[in-house]
Each structure stands twice: as C-alpha cells, then as structure tokens.
Protein backbone atom coordinates (compact mmCIF):
# COMPACT_ATOMS: atom_id res chain seq x y z
CA UNK A 1 -3.77 -8.30 -18.41
CA UNK A 2 -4.47 -12.03 -18.69
CA UNK A 3 -6.66 -12.00 -15.57
CA UNK A 4 -10.12 -10.82 -16.62
CA UNK A 5 -11.17 -7.31 -15.45
CA UNK A 6 -14.01 -8.83 -13.42
CA UNK A 7 -11.74 -11.33 -11.69
CA UNK A 8 -9.15 -8.66 -10.99
CA UNK A 9 -11.79 -6.34 -9.50
CA UNK A 10 -12.81 -9.25 -7.26
CA UNK A 11 -9.20 -9.75 -6.17
CA UNK A 12 -8.82 -6.09 -5.22
CA UNK A 13 -12.12 -6.09 -3.35
CA UNK A 14 -11.09 -9.21 -1.44
CA UNK A 15 -7.80 -7.57 -0.48
CA UNK A 16 -9.52 -4.38 0.64
CA UNK A 17 -12.11 -6.28 2.71
CA UNK A 18 -9.36 -8.36 4.34
CA UNK A 19 -7.47 -5.24 5.43
CA UNK A 20 -10.59 -3.47 6.71
CA UNK A 21 -11.97 -6.45 8.61
CA UNK A 22 -9.82 -5.88 11.71
CA UNK A 23 -10.53 -2.16 12.37
CA UNK A 24 -14.21 -2.44 11.41
CA UNK A 25 -14.56 -5.55 13.57
CA UNK A 26 -13.00 -3.63 16.46
CA UNK A 27 -15.63 -0.91 16.00
CA UNK A 28 -18.40 -3.48 16.21
CA UNK A 29 -16.90 -5.09 19.32
CA UNK A 30 -16.48 -1.70 20.96
CA UNK A 31 -20.10 -0.76 20.37
CA UNK A 32 -21.22 -4.05 21.89
CA UNK A 33 -19.06 -3.39 24.95
CA UNK A 34 -20.57 0.06 25.38
CA UNK A 35 -24.02 -1.49 25.61
CA UNK A 36 -22.96 -3.67 28.54
CA UNK A 37 -20.44 -1.44 30.33
CA UNK A 38 -21.45 1.07 33.02
CA UNK A 39 -18.11 1.86 34.61
CA UNK A 40 -17.10 5.41 33.50
CA UNK A 41 -13.40 4.56 33.31
CA UNK A 42 -14.00 1.49 31.17
CA UNK A 43 -16.41 3.39 28.93
CA UNK A 44 -13.76 6.06 28.39
CA UNK A 45 -11.30 3.36 27.38
CA UNK A 46 -13.81 1.85 24.96
CA UNK A 47 -14.44 5.26 23.40
CA UNK A 48 -10.69 5.63 22.91
CA UNK A 49 -10.52 2.25 21.17
CA UNK A 50 -13.49 3.19 19.00
CA UNK A 51 -11.75 6.40 17.99
CA UNK A 52 -8.55 4.56 17.10
CA UNK A 53 -10.42 1.95 15.06
CA UNK A 54 -12.42 4.59 13.21
CA UNK A 55 -9.23 6.48 12.37
CA UNK A 56 -7.51 3.30 11.15
CA UNK A 57 -10.51 2.46 8.96
CA UNK A 58 -10.60 5.95 7.45
CA UNK A 59 -6.84 5.95 6.79
CA UNK A 60 -6.97 2.58 5.05
CA UNK A 61 -9.91 3.67 2.91
CA UNK A 62 -8.09 6.84 1.86
CA UNK A 63 -4.99 4.83 0.99
CA UNK A 64 -6.85 2.18 -1.02
CA UNK A 65 -8.91 4.83 -2.80
CA UNK A 66 -5.68 6.17 -4.29
CA UNK A 67 -3.82 2.86 -4.59
CA UNK A 68 -6.64 0.77 -6.08
CA UNK A 69 -9.39 3.18 -7.10
CA UNK A 70 -9.96 6.39 -9.04
CA UNK A 71 -8.74 8.74 -6.34
CA UNK A 72 -7.41 12.11 -7.44
CA UNK A 73 -10.27 12.93 -9.81
CA UNK A 74 -10.19 12.75 -13.59
CA UNK A 75 -6.96 14.68 -14.15
CA UNK A 76 -3.98 12.82 -15.60
CA UNK A 77 -1.74 14.02 -12.77
CA UNK A 78 -2.26 14.02 -9.01
CA UNK A 79 -0.77 16.20 -6.28
CA UNK A 80 2.13 14.14 -4.91
CA UNK A 81 1.26 15.33 -1.40
CA UNK A 82 -1.83 13.11 -1.59
CA UNK A 83 0.40 10.07 -1.91
CA UNK A 84 2.57 11.23 1.00
CA UNK A 85 -0.48 11.82 3.20
CA UNK A 86 -1.94 8.43 2.29
CA UNK A 87 1.28 6.62 3.24
CA UNK A 88 1.55 8.54 6.51
CA UNK A 89 -2.01 7.52 7.34
CA UNK A 90 -1.31 3.89 6.54
CA UNK A 91 1.71 3.87 8.86
CA UNK A 92 0.40 6.17 11.61
CA UNK A 93 -0.19 3.31 14.05
CA UNK A 94 3.01 1.48 13.12
CA UNK A 95 5.32 3.01 15.71
CA UNK A 96 8.20 0.72 14.73
CA UNK A 97 8.54 2.07 11.19
CA UNK A 98 10.03 5.42 10.20
CA UNK A 99 8.83 6.87 6.90
CA UNK A 100 10.95 9.16 4.71
CA UNK A 101 9.61 10.94 1.61
CA UNK A 102 12.04 11.70 -1.24
CA UNK A 103 9.73 12.96 -3.98
CA UNK A 104 10.43 16.52 -5.14
CA UNK A 105 7.88 16.83 -7.94
CA UNK A 106 4.65 18.59 -7.02
CA UNK A 107 2.53 16.24 -9.14
CA UNK A 108 2.67 12.63 -10.30
CA UNK A 109 1.00 10.82 -13.19
CA UNK A 110 -1.77 8.56 -11.88
CA UNK A 111 0.08 5.46 -13.01
CA UNK A 112 3.17 6.48 -11.06
CA UNK A 113 1.09 7.23 -7.98
CA UNK A 114 -0.55 3.80 -8.04
CA UNK A 115 2.77 2.03 -8.60
CA UNK A 116 4.35 3.99 -5.75
CA UNK A 117 1.54 3.33 -3.27
CA UNK A 118 1.26 -0.36 -4.01
CA UNK A 119 5.02 -0.89 -3.82
CA UNK A 120 4.95 0.94 -0.50
CA UNK A 121 2.14 -1.29 0.76
CA UNK A 122 4.09 -4.42 -0.16
CA UNK A 123 7.35 -3.08 1.28
CA UNK A 124 5.78 -1.99 4.57
CA UNK A 125 4.36 -5.46 5.13
CA UNK A 126 7.78 -6.99 4.46
CA UNK A 127 9.21 -5.02 7.41
CA UNK A 128 8.17 -7.67 9.90
CA UNK A 129 9.82 -6.01 12.91
CA UNK A 130 9.71 -2.43 11.70
CA UNK A 131 12.54 -0.26 10.48
CA UNK A 132 12.92 2.50 7.91
CA UNK A 133 10.86 2.95 4.75
CA UNK A 134 12.10 5.41 2.11
CA UNK A 135 9.94 6.32 -0.88
CA UNK A 136 11.33 8.19 -3.88
CA UNK A 137 10.28 9.01 -7.40
CA UNK A 138 11.24 11.28 -10.28
CA UNK A 139 10.76 11.87 -13.99
CA UNK A 140 13.81 11.83 -16.28
CA UNK A 141 13.70 12.27 -20.05
CA UNK A 142 10.21 10.84 -20.42
CA UNK A 143 10.79 8.01 -17.96
CA UNK A 144 9.44 7.53 -14.46
CA UNK A 145 11.59 6.00 -11.75
CA UNK A 146 9.96 4.77 -8.54
CA UNK A 147 12.07 3.40 -5.70
CA UNK A 148 10.98 2.03 -2.33
CA UNK A 149 13.77 1.10 0.05
CA UNK A 150 13.26 -0.69 3.35
CA UNK A 151 15.76 -1.35 6.09
CA UNK A 152 15.14 -3.33 9.23
CA UNK A 153 16.24 -6.26 11.42
CA UNK A 154 13.91 -8.73 9.67
CA UNK A 155 12.68 -8.43 6.08
CA UNK A 156 10.40 -11.10 4.61
CA UNK A 157 8.88 -10.74 1.15
CA UNK A 158 6.55 -13.58 0.22
CA UNK A 159 7.96 -15.44 -2.84
CA UNK A 160 4.50 -15.19 -4.44
CA UNK A 161 4.62 -11.40 -4.24
CA UNK A 162 8.18 -11.24 -5.54
CA UNK A 163 7.37 -13.45 -8.53
CA UNK A 164 4.15 -11.60 -9.30
CA UNK A 165 5.90 -8.22 -9.16
CA UNK A 166 8.56 -9.19 -11.66
CA UNK A 167 6.83 -11.81 -13.83
CA UNK A 168 3.09 -11.19 -13.53
CA UNK A 169 0.51 -13.95 -13.24
CA UNK A 170 1.84 -17.25 -11.94
CA UNK A 171 0.88 -20.66 -13.28
CA UNK A 172 -1.53 -21.16 -10.38
CA UNK A 173 -3.15 -17.75 -10.89
CA UNK A 174 -3.31 -14.58 -8.82
CA UNK A 175 -4.52 -14.59 -5.22
CA UNK A 176 -6.05 -11.64 -3.32
CA UNK A 177 -2.82 -11.42 -1.34
CA UNK A 178 -0.90 -10.75 -4.56
CA UNK A 179 -3.46 -8.30 -6.02
CA UNK A 180 -1.31 -5.24 -5.29
CA UNK A 181 1.77 -6.89 -6.80
CA UNK A 182 -0.16 -7.87 -9.92
CA UNK A 183 -1.48 -4.32 -10.29
CA UNK A 184 2.07 -2.94 -10.11
CA UNK A 185 3.38 -5.43 -12.67
CA UNK A 186 0.50 -4.77 -15.06
CA UNK A 187 0.69 -0.98 -14.89
CA UNK A 188 4.46 -0.96 -15.37
CA UNK A 189 4.37 -3.51 -18.20
CA UNK A 190 1.67 -1.55 -20.01
CA UNK A 191 3.89 1.52 -19.79
CA UNK A 192 6.81 -0.32 -21.37
CA UNK A 193 8.80 -0.82 -18.19
CA UNK A 194 9.84 -3.44 -15.65
CA UNK A 195 9.82 -4.02 -11.91
CA UNK A 196 12.96 -5.02 -10.04
CA UNK A 197 13.29 -6.51 -6.56
CA UNK A 198 16.71 -7.11 -5.09
CA UNK A 199 17.58 -9.80 -2.59
CA UNK A 200 17.80 -8.54 1.01
CA UNK A 201 21.40 -7.68 1.88
CA UNK A 202 22.60 -6.17 5.15
CA UNK A 203 18.96 -5.89 6.24
CA UNK A 204 18.10 -3.76 3.20
CA UNK A 205 15.73 -4.42 0.31
CA UNK A 206 14.92 -2.20 -2.68
CA UNK A 207 11.81 -2.42 -4.86
CA UNK A 208 11.90 -0.31 -7.99
CA UNK A 209 10.16 0.33 -11.27
CA UNK A 210 11.17 2.22 -14.41
CA UNK A 211 8.61 2.91 -17.13
CA UNK A 212 7.51 5.45 -19.71
CA UNK A 213 5.85 8.62 -18.44
CA UNK A 214 2.31 9.26 -19.66
C-alpha cells in the first residue's frame, strides 16, 4: 500500500462520514421539527421520518463495519449470511434495485468478505436508475472468485473508480470517493490476484476479482 496507513484511515473515515451525513442530518432536522410542531398528524409523519432515518443510519453503520472495519470478530472466516444481511440493509430503501445472492458457502475469509462488500457498494452506486444486482462468490482449488454483476437502463462507473480498482493509486492520489476501490485493489493485490471491470454492454457490467484464499 503506497498510501500511508494513517492517510488511508482518513480516507475511509471521510467516506463513512459522507455517507452518514444525510440520514443523521435528517434525524437532527426531524428532532427540530418536533420541537415546533403541535399538529398530531404532522408529528406522526415526523416520527415516521425519524424512524426511517435511524434505520438507514444503523444499516449503513452495519455495512461499513464489515466492509471497512473489523466486523465479524477475530476469526479468520465470517458467516457469509452477515455479508448478505449487510447488503440487504444497504439496499433496503432502494426500491428500484433487485438484489440476488449467489453465494453457497456458509463462511467466507475476511478478505473475501471485504472485497465482496466494497465491490457491491461501488456497483450499486453505478446503477444510476436502478436495476438488478447479483453477487456471487466461491472458493476453487485455493482461489477465491468474487463476481458482482449489475444490469440496468443506465450504468455509470466513475473513471476514477475504474482505474483505482484495476491499477491502484493514481498519479494524483486517492480521494475519499475512491477509498472503497483502493481497498479492493490493495486486498486483492496483496493476495496475489487482480480485479477486472468490463465495459458496459447491453446494459450489463461485471466487476470481478480472483485471488489466493487465505
């Protein structure tokens, strides 16, 4: 990793704060409204918005705990259902995207779990108008294969993210926006593998990684 550990930790924190700003800000606004609102119907609506914002915040925290942090404890392998639940929570409010899970193994190495979750995060954001998101992964002869396939009417993957996924740090450095992509590239490269991203064709894009199992 050419980016220093301290700088990379800062990048991940910046990314996390950016994603939590909206739901946490909505909580703050809702509480302020409650202090000024006396109409029972409006108060009920505000409570509903508060509940939705709190749920979104909790889901994002659970996802990032596994994707960026030390979620799953100290064991080398993690229950794959944790990854599935984290992705479902991330997408629960995205009614335009259908999520399909194609992982048969009951557990995943931590490296594989982080690669899978961060590729899923990047892929879900590339589905600008929604669509279908398929996540798969398996171990074969000491190798891990992670595949995330998206299909939708409009797919946009930022060139910075694409380049960071496949090549690592760019000449102008790594931005918070590309923190997840840099994490994927680094983990896969350290495990002797590579990340591949195909060009969108027929409204389909595939992000994949193959690397040594640990």
